[in-house]
Protein backbone atom coordinates (compact mmCIF):
# COMPACT_ATOMS: atom_id res chain seq x y z
CA MET A 1 0.00 0.00 0.00
CA ILE A 2 2.77 2.44 0.95
CA ARG A 3 4.60 1.58 -2.25
CA ARG A 4 1.52 2.23 -4.40
CA ARG A 5 0.86 5.53 -2.67
CA PHE A 6 4.43 6.61 -3.24
CA VAL A 7 4.28 5.67 -6.93
CA PHE A 8 1.08 7.71 -7.25
CA GLY A 9 2.71 10.67 -5.51
CA THR A 10 5.78 10.37 -7.72
CA LEU A 11 3.62 10.40 -10.85
CA MET A 12 1.78 13.48 -9.62
CA LEU A 13 5.06 15.23 -8.98
CA ALA A 14 6.31 14.25 -12.39
CA LEU A 15 3.24 15.79 -14.03
CA PHE A 16 3.74 19.08 -12.24
CA VAL A 17 7.46 19.15 -12.95
CA LEU A 18 6.68 18.37 -16.59
CA GLY A 19 4.47 21.45 -16.86
CA TRP A 20 7.10 23.57 -15.11
CA TRP A 21 9.94 22.58 -17.41
CA VAL A 22 7.87 22.96 -20.58
CA GLY A 23 8.13 26.68 -20.05
CA ARG A 24 11.77 26.57 -18.94
CA GLY A 25 13.63 25.05 -21.84
CA SER A 26 13.74 22.54 -24.68
CA SER A 27 12.14 19.10 -24.47
CA GLY A 28 15.61 17.56 -24.10
CA ASP A 29 16.28 19.69 -21.05
CA LEU A 30 12.86 18.79 -19.71
CA TYR A 31 13.27 15.03 -19.81
CA SER A 32 16.88 15.00 -18.62
CA ASN A 33 15.95 17.10 -15.59
CA LEU A 34 12.83 15.03 -15.03
CA ASP A 35 14.96 11.86 -14.92
CA VAL A 36 17.17 13.45 -12.26
CA PHE A 37 14.14 14.56 -10.26
CA VAL A 38 12.55 11.09 -10.25
CA GLU A 39 15.90 9.49 -9.34
CA VAL A 40 16.27 11.85 -6.37
CA LEU A 41 12.76 10.98 -5.21
CA GLN A 42 13.51 7.29 -5.44
CA LYS A 43 16.73 7.66 -3.42
CA ILE A 44 14.85 9.57 -0.73
CA GLN A 45 12.10 6.95 -0.64
CA ASP A 46 14.61 4.10 -0.31
CA ASN A 47 17.13 5.68 2.05
CA TYR A 48 15.72 8.59 4.07
CA VAL A 49 15.69 7.91 7.82
CA ASP A 50 11.91 8.47 8.15
CA PRO A 51 9.07 7.42 5.83
CA ILE A 52 7.89 10.26 3.58
CA LYS A 53 4.23 11.14 3.00
CA PRO A 54 3.28 11.32 -0.69
CA ALA A 55 0.61 13.98 -0.15
CA SER A 56 3.06 16.27 1.66
CA ALA A 57 5.68 15.69 -1.03
CA VAL A 58 3.21 16.60 -3.76
CA ARG A 59 2.11 19.78 -1.98
CA GLY A 60 5.71 20.74 -1.30
CA ALA A 61 6.65 20.29 -4.96
CA ILE A 62 3.68 22.36 -6.09
CA ASP A 63 4.49 25.16 -3.65
CA GLY A 64 8.10 25.05 -4.80
CA MET A 65 7.09 25.45 -8.44
CA LEU A 66 4.80 28.37 -7.64
CA ASP A 67 7.37 30.04 -5.41
CA ASP A 68 9.09 31.69 -8.37
CA LEU A 69 5.81 33.07 -9.76
CA ASP A 70 3.76 36.09 -8.69
CA PRO A 71 1.75 36.21 -5.42
CA TYR A 72 -1.54 35.52 -7.18
CA SER A 73 -0.65 32.12 -8.67
CA GLN A 74 -1.74 29.48 -6.16
CA TYR A 75 -2.56 25.83 -5.72
CA LEU A 76 -6.01 25.55 -4.13
CA ASP A 77 -6.70 22.53 -1.95
CA GLU A 78 -10.25 21.32 -1.37
CA LYS A 79 -11.12 23.90 1.29
CA GLU A 80 -9.46 26.77 -0.57
CA TYR A 81 -11.16 25.89 -3.85
CA ALA A 82 -14.54 25.56 -2.18
CA SER A 83 -14.02 28.92 -0.47
CA LEU A 84 -13.17 30.56 -3.81
CA LYS A 85 -16.35 29.22 -5.38
CA ASP A 86 -18.40 30.43 -2.40
CA PHE A 87 -16.87 33.90 -2.74
CA THR A 88 -17.60 34.20 -6.46
CA ARG A 89 -21.18 33.00 -5.95
CA GLY A 90 -21.67 35.27 -2.94
CA GLU A 91 -23.06 32.25 -1.07
CA PHE A 92 -22.01 29.93 1.74
CA ASN A 93 -23.60 27.58 4.25
CA GLY A 94 -23.61 28.66 7.88
CA ILE A 95 -25.49 30.68 10.49
CA GLY A 96 -24.97 34.11 8.89
CA VAL A 97 -22.78 36.33 11.04
CA VAL A 98 -19.87 38.65 10.36
CA VAL A 99 -17.33 38.04 13.13
CA GLY A 100 -14.26 39.81 14.47
CA VAL A 101 -12.02 39.10 17.43
CA ARG A 102 -12.41 41.13 20.63
CA ASN A 103 -10.52 40.35 23.83
CA ASP A 104 -9.35 36.99 22.45
CA PHE A 105 -12.86 35.73 21.59
CA PRO A 106 -14.80 35.74 18.30
CA THR A 107 -17.44 38.46 18.52
CA VAL A 108 -20.47 39.17 16.35
CA ILE A 109 -19.89 42.34 14.35
CA SER A 110 -23.27 42.05 12.67
CA PRO A 111 -25.77 39.30 11.83
CA ILE A 112 -26.73 39.00 8.16
CA GLU A 113 -30.34 40.03 7.72
CA GLY A 114 -32.66 37.06 7.24
CA SER A 115 -30.07 34.51 8.39
CA PRO A 116 -30.53 31.91 11.19
CA ALA A 117 -28.44 34.13 13.48
CA TRP A 118 -30.65 37.14 12.69
CA GLU A 119 -33.84 35.17 13.29
CA ALA A 120 -32.50 33.76 16.57
CA GLY A 121 -31.81 37.26 17.88
CA LEU A 122 -28.01 37.29 17.89
CA HIS A 123 -26.83 40.86 18.32
CA SER A 124 -23.83 42.92 17.36
CA GLY A 125 -21.38 42.55 20.24
CA ASP A 126 -22.43 39.06 21.32
CA VAL A 127 -19.29 37.19 22.35
CA ILE A 128 -19.10 33.65 20.93
CA LEU A 129 -17.71 31.70 23.88
CA LYS A 130 -18.25 28.17 22.58
CA VAL A 131 -19.35 26.33 19.45
CA ASP A 132 -20.89 22.93 20.14
CA GLY A 133 -19.36 23.03 23.60
CA LYS A 134 -15.84 23.73 22.35
CA SER A 135 -14.19 26.89 23.67
CA THR A 136 -13.39 29.52 21.07
CA ALA A 137 -10.75 31.32 23.14
CA GLY A 138 -7.78 32.28 21.00
CA LEU A 139 -9.38 31.48 17.64
CA ASN A 140 -8.79 33.86 14.75
CA VAL A 141 -11.56 34.93 12.35
CA ALA A 142 -10.87 32.15 9.83
CA GLN A 143 -10.88 29.44 12.51
CA ALA A 144 -14.09 30.73 14.07
CA SER A 145 -15.78 30.96 10.66
CA GLU A 146 -14.84 27.37 9.89
CA LEU A 147 -16.56 26.19 13.08
CA LEU A 148 -19.71 28.18 12.34
CA ARG A 149 -19.99 27.09 8.73
CA GLY A 150 -21.16 23.65 7.67
CA ALA A 151 -23.57 21.77 5.49
CA ALA A 152 -27.05 23.25 5.13
CA GLY A 153 -29.49 21.56 7.50
CA THR A 154 -26.92 20.64 10.13
CA PRO A 155 -27.41 21.88 13.72
CA VAL A 156 -24.94 23.93 15.75
CA THR A 157 -25.11 25.27 19.30
CA VAL A 158 -23.48 28.64 19.91
CA THR A 159 -22.80 29.75 23.48
CA ILE A 160 -22.80 33.53 23.78
CA GLY A 161 -22.04 36.16 26.38
CA ARG A 162 -23.75 39.54 26.19
CA GLU A 163 -22.84 42.87 27.78
CA GLY A 164 -25.32 43.78 30.51
CA GLU A 165 -26.34 40.16 31.15
CA ASP A 166 -25.02 37.77 33.76
CA GLY A 167 -23.78 34.35 32.71
CA GLU A 168 -23.98 32.86 29.25
CA ARG A 169 -26.69 31.40 27.04
CA ASP A 170 -26.87 28.59 24.49
CA VAL A 171 -28.45 29.37 21.13
CA LYS A 172 -29.38 26.38 18.96
CA LEU A 173 -29.27 27.10 15.23
CA THR A 174 -29.66 25.20 11.97
CA ARG A 175 -27.22 26.11 9.24
CA ARG A 176 -28.54 27.01 5.82
CA GLU A 177 -27.41 28.70 2.62
CA ILE A 178 -26.50 32.34 3.22
CA VAL A 179 -26.48 34.81 0.35
CA THR A 180 -24.20 37.80 0.94
CA LYS A 181 -24.72 41.14 -0.76
CA SER A 182 -22.19 42.94 -2.91
CA VAL A 183 -24.13 46.14 -2.15
CA PRO A 184 -24.69 45.89 1.61
CA TYR A 185 -26.39 49.28 1.74
CA ALA A 186 -27.41 52.18 -0.45
CA PHE A 187 -29.16 55.29 0.83
CA MET A 188 -29.95 58.95 0.25
CA VAL A 189 -27.64 61.64 1.63
CA GLY A 190 -29.31 65.02 1.79
CA ARG A 191 -31.87 66.00 -0.79
CA ASP A 192 -30.61 64.47 -4.04
CA VAL A 193 -27.36 62.47 -3.56
CA GLY A 194 -27.48 58.69 -3.68
CA TYR A 195 -24.73 56.74 -1.92
CA VAL A 196 -23.98 53.19 -3.14
CA ARG A 197 -21.51 50.98 -1.29
CA LEU A 198 -20.09 48.20 -3.48
CA ALA A 199 -18.13 45.94 -1.12
CA SER A 200 -17.18 43.05 -3.44
CA PHE A 201 -17.71 41.59 -6.90
CA SER A 202 -19.71 38.37 -7.11
CA GLU A 203 -22.12 36.89 -9.63
CA LYS A 204 -24.92 39.35 -8.75
CA SER A 205 -22.93 42.56 -8.23
CA ALA A 206 -24.08 44.39 -11.36
CA ALA A 207 -27.72 43.55 -10.73
CA GLU A 208 -27.43 44.81 -7.16
CA VAL A 209 -25.84 48.08 -8.30
CA ARG A 210 -28.54 48.51 -10.95
CA ASN A 211 -31.31 47.91 -8.44
CA ALA A 212 -29.75 50.31 -5.92
CA VAL A 213 -29.35 53.09 -8.50
CA ASP A 214 -32.91 52.60 -9.79
CA ARG A 215 -34.34 52.69 -6.26
CA LEU A 216 -32.39 55.81 -5.31
CA HIS A 217 -33.51 57.54 -8.51
CA LYS A 218 -37.08 56.92 -7.43
CA GLU A 219 -36.26 58.40 -4.02
CA GLY A 220 -35.00 61.59 -5.66
CA ALA A 221 -31.29 60.96 -6.34
CA ARG A 222 -29.86 63.08 -9.15
CA ARG A 223 -26.17 62.67 -8.26
CA PHE A 224 -24.31 59.58 -7.07
CA VAL A 225 -21.35 58.47 -4.98
CA LEU A 226 -20.06 54.95 -5.74
CA ASP A 227 -17.86 53.75 -2.88
CA LEU A 228 -15.26 51.14 -3.92
CA ARG A 229 -12.94 51.55 -0.94
CA GLN A 230 -11.60 48.33 0.59
CA ASN A 231 -13.24 46.35 -2.22
CA PRO A 232 -10.79 43.53 -3.06
CA GLY A 233 -12.33 42.79 -6.45
CA GLY A 234 -13.69 39.58 -7.91
CA LEU A 235 -15.22 38.54 -11.23
CA LEU A 236 -14.08 40.30 -14.42
CA ASP A 237 -17.47 40.06 -16.13
CA GLN A 238 -19.11 41.74 -13.15
CA ALA A 239 -16.57 44.56 -13.24
CA VAL A 240 -17.50 45.14 -16.90
CA ASP A 241 -21.22 44.97 -16.10
CA VAL A 242 -20.93 47.42 -13.19
CA ALA A 243 -18.98 49.92 -15.32
CA GLU A 244 -21.52 49.69 -18.12
CA GLU A 245 -24.26 50.78 -15.73
CA PHE A 246 -22.78 54.28 -16.14
CA LEU A 247 -21.32 54.18 -19.67
CA PRO A 248 -22.93 54.51 -23.11
CA LYS A 249 -23.32 51.33 -25.11
CA GLY A 250 -20.23 50.36 -27.10
CA GLU A 251 -17.60 51.96 -24.84
CA MET A 252 -14.47 49.93 -24.13
CA VAL A 253 -14.25 49.10 -20.43
CA VAL A 254 -10.99 47.13 -20.26
CA TYR A 255 -8.73 44.92 -22.35
CA THR A 256 -6.39 42.09 -21.42
CA HIS A 257 -3.10 41.01 -22.92
CA GLY A 258 -1.34 37.71 -22.22
CA ARG A 259 1.25 35.34 -23.65
CA THR A 260 -0.98 32.51 -24.83
CA LYS A 261 -3.63 32.40 -27.52
CA GLY A 262 -7.03 33.55 -26.33
CA GLN A 263 -5.77 35.82 -23.52
CA ASP A 264 -6.02 39.02 -25.63
CA GLN A 265 -9.58 40.20 -25.09
CA ARG A 266 -11.49 43.49 -25.33
CA TYR A 267 -14.58 44.16 -23.26
CA TYR A 268 -17.24 46.74 -24.20
CA SER A 269 -20.31 48.10 -22.44
CA ALA A 270 -23.57 46.67 -23.72
CA ALA A 271 -26.29 48.09 -21.46
CA LYS A 272 -29.06 49.91 -23.32
CA ASP A 273 -30.51 51.80 -20.35
CA ALA A 274 -27.34 52.89 -18.52
CA ASP A 275 -27.32 55.97 -16.30
CA THR A 276 -25.17 58.30 -18.40
CA GLY A 277 -26.68 61.58 -17.21
CA SER A 278 -26.12 61.70 -13.43
CA PRO A 279 -22.98 63.40 -12.06
CA LEU A 280 -20.87 60.65 -10.48
CA ALA A 281 -18.05 60.51 -7.93
CA VAL A 282 -16.16 57.29 -7.19
CA LEU A 283 -14.28 56.73 -3.92
CA VAL A 284 -11.17 54.48 -3.90
CA ASP A 285 -8.26 53.73 -1.60
CA GLU A 286 -5.29 51.38 -1.28
CA GLY A 287 -7.70 48.52 -0.52
CA SER A 288 -9.48 48.90 -3.87
CA ALA A 289 -8.12 46.16 -6.11
CA SER A 290 -8.66 44.16 -9.28
CA ALA A 291 -12.29 44.54 -10.44
CA SER A 292 -12.60 47.77 -8.44
CA GLU A 293 -9.67 49.20 -10.39
CA ILE A 294 -11.20 48.14 -13.70
CA VAL A 295 -14.39 50.06 -12.89
CA ALA A 296 -12.56 53.14 -11.60
CA GLY A 297 -10.12 53.14 -14.53
CA ALA A 298 -12.85 52.87 -17.17
CA LEU A 299 -14.98 55.63 -15.65
CA GLN A 300 -11.90 57.85 -15.29
CA ASP A 301 -10.60 57.28 -18.83
CA ARG A 302 -14.02 57.95 -20.33
CA ASP A 303 -14.47 61.17 -18.26
CA ARG A 304 -17.62 59.66 -16.79
CA ALA A 305 -16.76 60.08 -13.09
CA LEU A 306 -14.44 61.98 -10.78
CA ILE A 307 -12.21 59.57 -8.83
CA LEU A 308 -11.41 60.64 -5.26
CA GLY A 309 -9.38 59.14 -2.43
CA ARG A 310 -6.01 57.40 -2.51
CA THR A 311 -4.09 55.41 -5.11
CA THR A 312 -5.50 51.91 -5.49
CA PHE A 313 -3.71 48.66 -4.75
CA GLY A 314 -2.48 47.82 -8.24
CA LYS A 315 -3.73 44.26 -8.71
CA GLY A 316 -4.14 44.32 -12.47
CA SER A 317 -3.52 40.71 -13.43
CA VAL A 318 -5.87 38.03 -14.72
CA GLN A 319 -5.96 34.66 -12.97
CA SER A 320 -7.31 31.62 -14.80
CA VAL A 321 -8.52 28.76 -12.62
CA PHE A 322 -7.78 25.24 -13.91
CA THR A 323 -9.70 22.49 -12.15
CA LEU A 324 -7.46 19.51 -11.43
CA ALA A 325 -8.19 15.78 -11.46
CA GLY A 326 -11.24 14.89 -9.40
CA GLY A 327 -12.67 18.43 -9.59
CA ARG A 328 -12.06 19.23 -5.94
CA THR A 329 -8.73 21.06 -6.23
CA ALA A 330 -7.52 23.67 -8.69
CA LEU A 331 -4.57 25.67 -9.93
CA LYS A 332 -4.96 29.46 -10.14
CA VAL A 333 -2.38 30.95 -12.52
CA THR A 334 -1.78 34.49 -13.74
CA THR A 335 -2.34 34.45 -17.50
CA ALA A 336 -2.73 38.11 -18.56
CA LEU A 337 -2.71 41.76 -17.45
CA TYR A 338 -5.53 44.32 -17.41
CA TYR A 339 -5.29 47.63 -19.28
CA THR A 340 -7.66 50.62 -19.08
CA PRO A 341 -9.14 52.10 -22.27
CA SER A 342 -6.35 54.72 -22.44
CA GLY A 343 -3.72 51.96 -22.38
CA ARG A 344 -2.67 52.14 -18.73
CA SER A 345 -1.56 48.97 -17.01
CA ILE A 346 -3.29 48.66 -13.65
CA HIS A 347 -0.70 46.19 -12.40
CA LYS A 348 1.99 46.91 -9.81
CA PRO A 349 4.50 44.02 -9.71
CA ARG A 350 5.12 42.60 -6.25
CA PRO A 351 7.57 39.97 -4.96
CA ARG A 352 5.73 36.84 -3.93
CA HIS A 353 6.64 36.99 -0.26
CA ASP A 354 6.21 40.75 0.10
CA LEU A 355 2.50 40.83 -0.75
CA GLU A 356 1.13 41.07 2.79
CA THR A 357 3.61 43.73 3.88
CA ASP A 358 3.14 45.75 0.70
CA GLU A 359 -0.64 45.61 0.86
CA ASP A 360 -0.65 47.16 4.31
CA ALA A 361 1.53 50.07 3.24
CA GLU A 362 -0.11 53.26 2.01
CA PRO A 363 0.86 54.00 -1.60
CA ASP A 364 3.00 57.05 -2.25
CA SER A 365 0.51 59.64 -3.51
CA SER A 366 2.72 62.69 -3.16
CA ALA A 367 2.76 65.26 -5.95
CA ASP A 368 6.31 64.34 -7.00
CA SER A 369 5.51 60.63 -7.03
CA VAL A 370 2.40 61.13 -9.16
CA LYS A 371 4.18 63.33 -11.69
CA ALA A 372 6.96 60.77 -12.08
CA ARG A 373 4.56 58.10 -13.34
CA PRO A 374 3.80 57.41 -17.02
CA GLN A 375 1.23 59.86 -18.37
CA PHE A 376 -1.84 58.99 -20.42
CA HIS A 377 -4.87 61.00 -21.51
CA THR A 378 -8.58 60.56 -21.09
CA ARG A 379 -10.94 61.06 -24.01
CA ALA A 380 -11.33 64.72 -23.06
CA GLY A 381 -7.56 65.18 -22.82
CA ARG A 382 -7.16 65.12 -19.04
CA VAL A 383 -3.87 63.73 -17.79
CA VAL A 384 -4.08 60.41 -15.91
CA TYR A 385 -1.25 58.27 -14.61
CA GLY A 386 -0.10 54.69 -15.07
CA GLY A 387 2.58 52.80 -13.25
CA GLY A 388 0.33 50.57 -11.14
CA GLY A 389 -3.07 51.16 -9.59
CA ILE A 390 -5.50 53.98 -10.33
CA THR A 391 -4.32 57.40 -9.16
CA PRO A 392 -7.37 59.49 -8.16
CA ASP A 393 -8.24 62.78 -9.81
CA VAL A 394 -8.50 64.26 -6.34
CA LEU A 395 -6.13 62.86 -3.72
CA VAL A 396 -7.52 62.91 -0.19
CA LYS A 397 -5.44 61.85 2.81
CA VAL A 398 -6.93 60.04 5.78
CA ASP A 399 -7.38 62.09 8.93
CA SER A 400 -5.40 60.42 11.71
CA LEU A 401 -7.07 59.93 15.07
CA PRO A 402 -5.65 61.67 18.14
CA PRO A 403 -4.04 59.36 20.75
CA LEU A 404 -6.96 58.87 23.14
CA ALA A 405 -9.49 58.29 20.36
CA LEU A 406 -7.06 55.88 18.70
CA GLU A 407 -6.65 53.86 21.92
CA ILE A 408 -10.42 53.68 22.37
CA GLU A 409 -10.75 52.31 18.84
CA ARG A 410 -7.82 49.92 19.27
CA ARG A 411 -9.34 48.37 22.38
CA GLY A 412 -12.88 48.29 20.95
CA LEU A 413 -14.22 50.29 23.89
CA ALA A 414 -16.88 52.21 21.95
CA PHE A 415 -18.08 48.90 20.50
CA ARG A 416 -18.32 47.28 23.95
CA TYR A 417 -20.02 50.21 25.65
CA ALA A 418 -22.56 50.50 22.83
CA ASN A 419 -23.52 46.85 23.26
CA ARG A 420 -23.88 47.28 27.00
CA TRP A 421 -25.99 50.42 26.65
CA ALA A 422 -28.22 49.10 23.86
CA ASN A 423 -28.90 45.87 25.72
CA THR A 424 -30.16 47.84 28.74
CA HIS A 425 -32.16 50.38 26.68
CA PRO A 426 -34.41 48.33 24.36
CA GLY A 427 -36.27 50.38 21.77
CA ALA A 428 -33.92 53.35 22.06
CA LYS A 429 -33.03 55.52 19.06
CA VAL A 430 -29.81 57.34 18.22
CA GLU A 431 -30.10 60.65 16.41
CA ARG A 432 -27.44 63.18 15.42
CA GLU A 433 -26.58 63.64 19.09
CA LEU A 434 -25.99 61.18 21.91
CA PRO A 435 -28.91 60.49 24.26
CA PRO A 436 -28.84 62.57 27.47
CA GLY A 437 -26.34 61.35 30.05
CA VAL A 438 -24.57 58.91 27.72
CA TRP A 439 -21.38 60.97 27.30
CA THR A 440 -20.88 61.37 31.06
CA ASP A 441 -21.65 57.71 31.67
CA PHE A 442 -19.25 56.67 28.90
CA ALA A 443 -16.44 58.78 30.38
CA GLY A 444 -16.91 57.11 33.76
CA TRP A 445 -17.03 53.68 32.16
CA LEU A 446 -13.75 54.38 30.30
CA ARG A 447 -12.03 55.10 33.60
CA GLY A 448 -13.42 51.85 34.95
CA GLU A 449 -11.69 50.12 32.02
CA LYS A 450 -8.38 51.51 33.33
CA LEU A 451 -7.99 54.02 30.51
CA THR A 452 -5.88 56.94 31.76
CA PHE A 453 -6.81 60.46 30.61
CA ASP A 454 -7.70 63.87 32.04
CA ASP A 455 -10.83 65.93 31.45
CA ALA A 456 -9.04 68.39 29.16
CA THR A 457 -7.81 65.61 26.84
CA LEU A 458 -11.25 64.02 26.71
CA ALA A 459 -12.86 67.37 25.90
CA ALA A 460 -10.30 68.16 23.19
CA GLN A 461 -10.90 64.80 21.46
CA ARG A 462 -14.64 64.64 22.05
CA LEU A 463 -15.66 64.94 18.38
CA PRO A 464 -13.95 61.76 17.04
CA ILE A 465 -14.67 59.82 20.25
CA GLU A 466 -18.34 60.79 20.27
CA ARG A 467 -18.65 59.92 16.59
CA ALA A 468 -17.17 56.46 17.26
CA LEU A 469 -19.67 55.95 20.05
CA ARG A 470 -22.62 57.13 17.93
CA ARG A 471 -21.43 54.85 15.12
CA GLU A 472 -21.51 51.78 17.36
CA LEU A 473 -24.82 52.72 18.94
CA ALA A 474 -26.27 53.20 15.46
CA ARG A 475 -24.88 49.81 14.36
CA ARG A 476 -26.42 48.08 17.34
CA ILE A 477 -29.82 49.75 16.94
CA GLY A 478 -30.14 50.31 13.18
CA GLY A 479 -27.62 47.96 11.57
CA ASP A 480 -24.58 48.51 9.37
CA SER A 481 -26.34 51.02 7.13
CA ALA A 482 -27.08 53.30 10.09
CA ALA A 483 -23.49 52.95 11.29
CA MET A 484 -22.17 53.90 7.84
CA LYS A 485 -24.19 57.10 7.82
CA VAL A 486 -22.39 58.16 10.99
CA VAL A 487 -19.00 57.17 9.56
CA LEU A 488 -19.58 59.34 6.49
CA GLU A 489 -20.12 62.42 8.68
CA GLY A 490 -16.38 62.50 9.39
CA ASP A 491 -15.14 61.11 6.06
CA PRO A 492 -12.93 63.66 4.24
CA ALA A 493 -13.12 61.90 0.85
CA PHE A 494 -16.91 61.71 1.03
CA ALA A 495 -17.11 65.36 2.10
CA ARG A 496 -14.98 66.34 -0.91
CA ALA A 497 -17.25 64.28 -3.18
CA LEU A 498 -20.34 66.06 -1.84
CA GLU A 499 -18.64 69.40 -2.39
CA VAL A 500 -17.94 68.58 -6.04
CA LEU A 501 -21.35 67.04 -6.69
CA GLY A 502 -23.08 70.00 -5.07
CA ARG A 503 -22.16 72.23 -8.01
CA ALA A 504 -22.57 69.60 -10.76
CA ALA A 505 -25.71 69.61 -12.87
CA ARG A 506 -24.20 67.46 -15.64
CA PRO A 507 -21.58 64.65 -15.53
CA ALA A 508 -18.87 66.89 -17.02
CA ASP A 509 -19.40 69.48 -14.28
CA VAL A 510 -17.50 67.34 -11.76
CA PHE A 511 -14.31 68.36 -13.60
CA ALA A 512 -15.09 72.09 -13.61
CA GLY A 513 -12.41 74.54 -12.51
CA GLY A 514 -9.55 72.09 -12.98
CA VAL A 515 -10.90 69.56 -10.48
CA GLY A 516 -9.80 66.16 -11.72
CA ASP A 517 -6.97 67.50 -13.87
CA GLN A 518 -3.95 66.08 -12.11
CA SER A 519 -1.58 67.92 -14.42
CA ARG A 520 -2.65 71.06 -12.59
CA ASP A 521 -2.71 69.92 -9.00
CA PRO A 522 -1.91 66.23 -8.43
CA ALA A 523 -1.62 66.58 -4.65
CA ARG A 524 -4.93 68.36 -4.11
């Protein structure tokens, strides 16, 4: 049995090495090196001090082959491949909660509306202490999610702790299919501005954007903000379909260029009833990647929208997914690059092992850095920049939090207090100001949490701290949409978008007075 398993593993390795060497040299080089590789494997099998595991050897060889490629080429095992398919469908089986980690325990950030968790009354801030009797202490988000997910129809018991209540409670749930939304919320801001948050790209993203825009039009929206910040991307066809919701029929959205036949493709808008007449602002940041950059780049190159925020991530490569034998694993390989209609490459090359570090770093959006990049022109002749990612027309830096407010956010204190307060004030509402007595009570509670500060410091930083508290109270009482409305009150990029839209009657008006012409003021 061991011998047969090893032979199978050796054959698998040989197949992968074969594919690797096909691209490395002549067929003679391929087979001579393959002979050496198989001989080495045989020597290890016969002589190594410990038995080797074929499955581990196969995975190690695959990882070794991919190690010289870019960060986006990956071997997907069964769980990883299943997770990718769930993401692209926007569906998974579970109880329906978004979780984070607070004080070493998984904590409910928000239940998904209509899910088993929602119906069972799980609240934002509920601490998940156990799953089926197993302690969750020390689990990260991925580990907690794996415990909560499972086949539809299977039961799970979640033990929760809740601020303001003594002890813990068991909640028995039945998992089922959960459908997540690419547009988690869309709402009116003021009299005639519609805000649409596009958080990801899945199979239904374009339809959700279309429905949100249509609904907001009926509610009186005449101008729009499309928020693509922290959107990691997703399906190419959905990026094209979202862009065409705002572009005339027949406009190029993006094109791809690769090494092999069939990778050179051009994608055009095809919608007959697109919204081409509403002034549009698009918000991006360093977390906007892939499909988000395709949408932003197309709308920028076609002078359809003003792009505001910070330079995007620069993930402009196409990955093709090849299902492997058995259909349960796959190989994801970079096969082409994306280009905007003006010819800009979205892609910023990254070393394979520097991806995580680089992604967390804020791109250099200084005036000198922007001007040093390759220049291209939009249809109207505005200067735009290549060199990786989408550089906004209007660059807006993030306001940093003062020290006390930052520590309150870091420790999740506003989140915890809001849960405690909301649980002891059922039916309460949160308006533009805190309910009477809440600020004083919160200040006393902070001291009880051993947070050191004086009255003068608290008073000086009251605005960002109070906004954080109102945000979490709004989340607990009105959901994520209500929380986002509070967040936008202190959002400099959103404020700049409203300023521009406020004087725009037609789409082209968003560029009036040099706004959006980076050749004039790239660091604005």
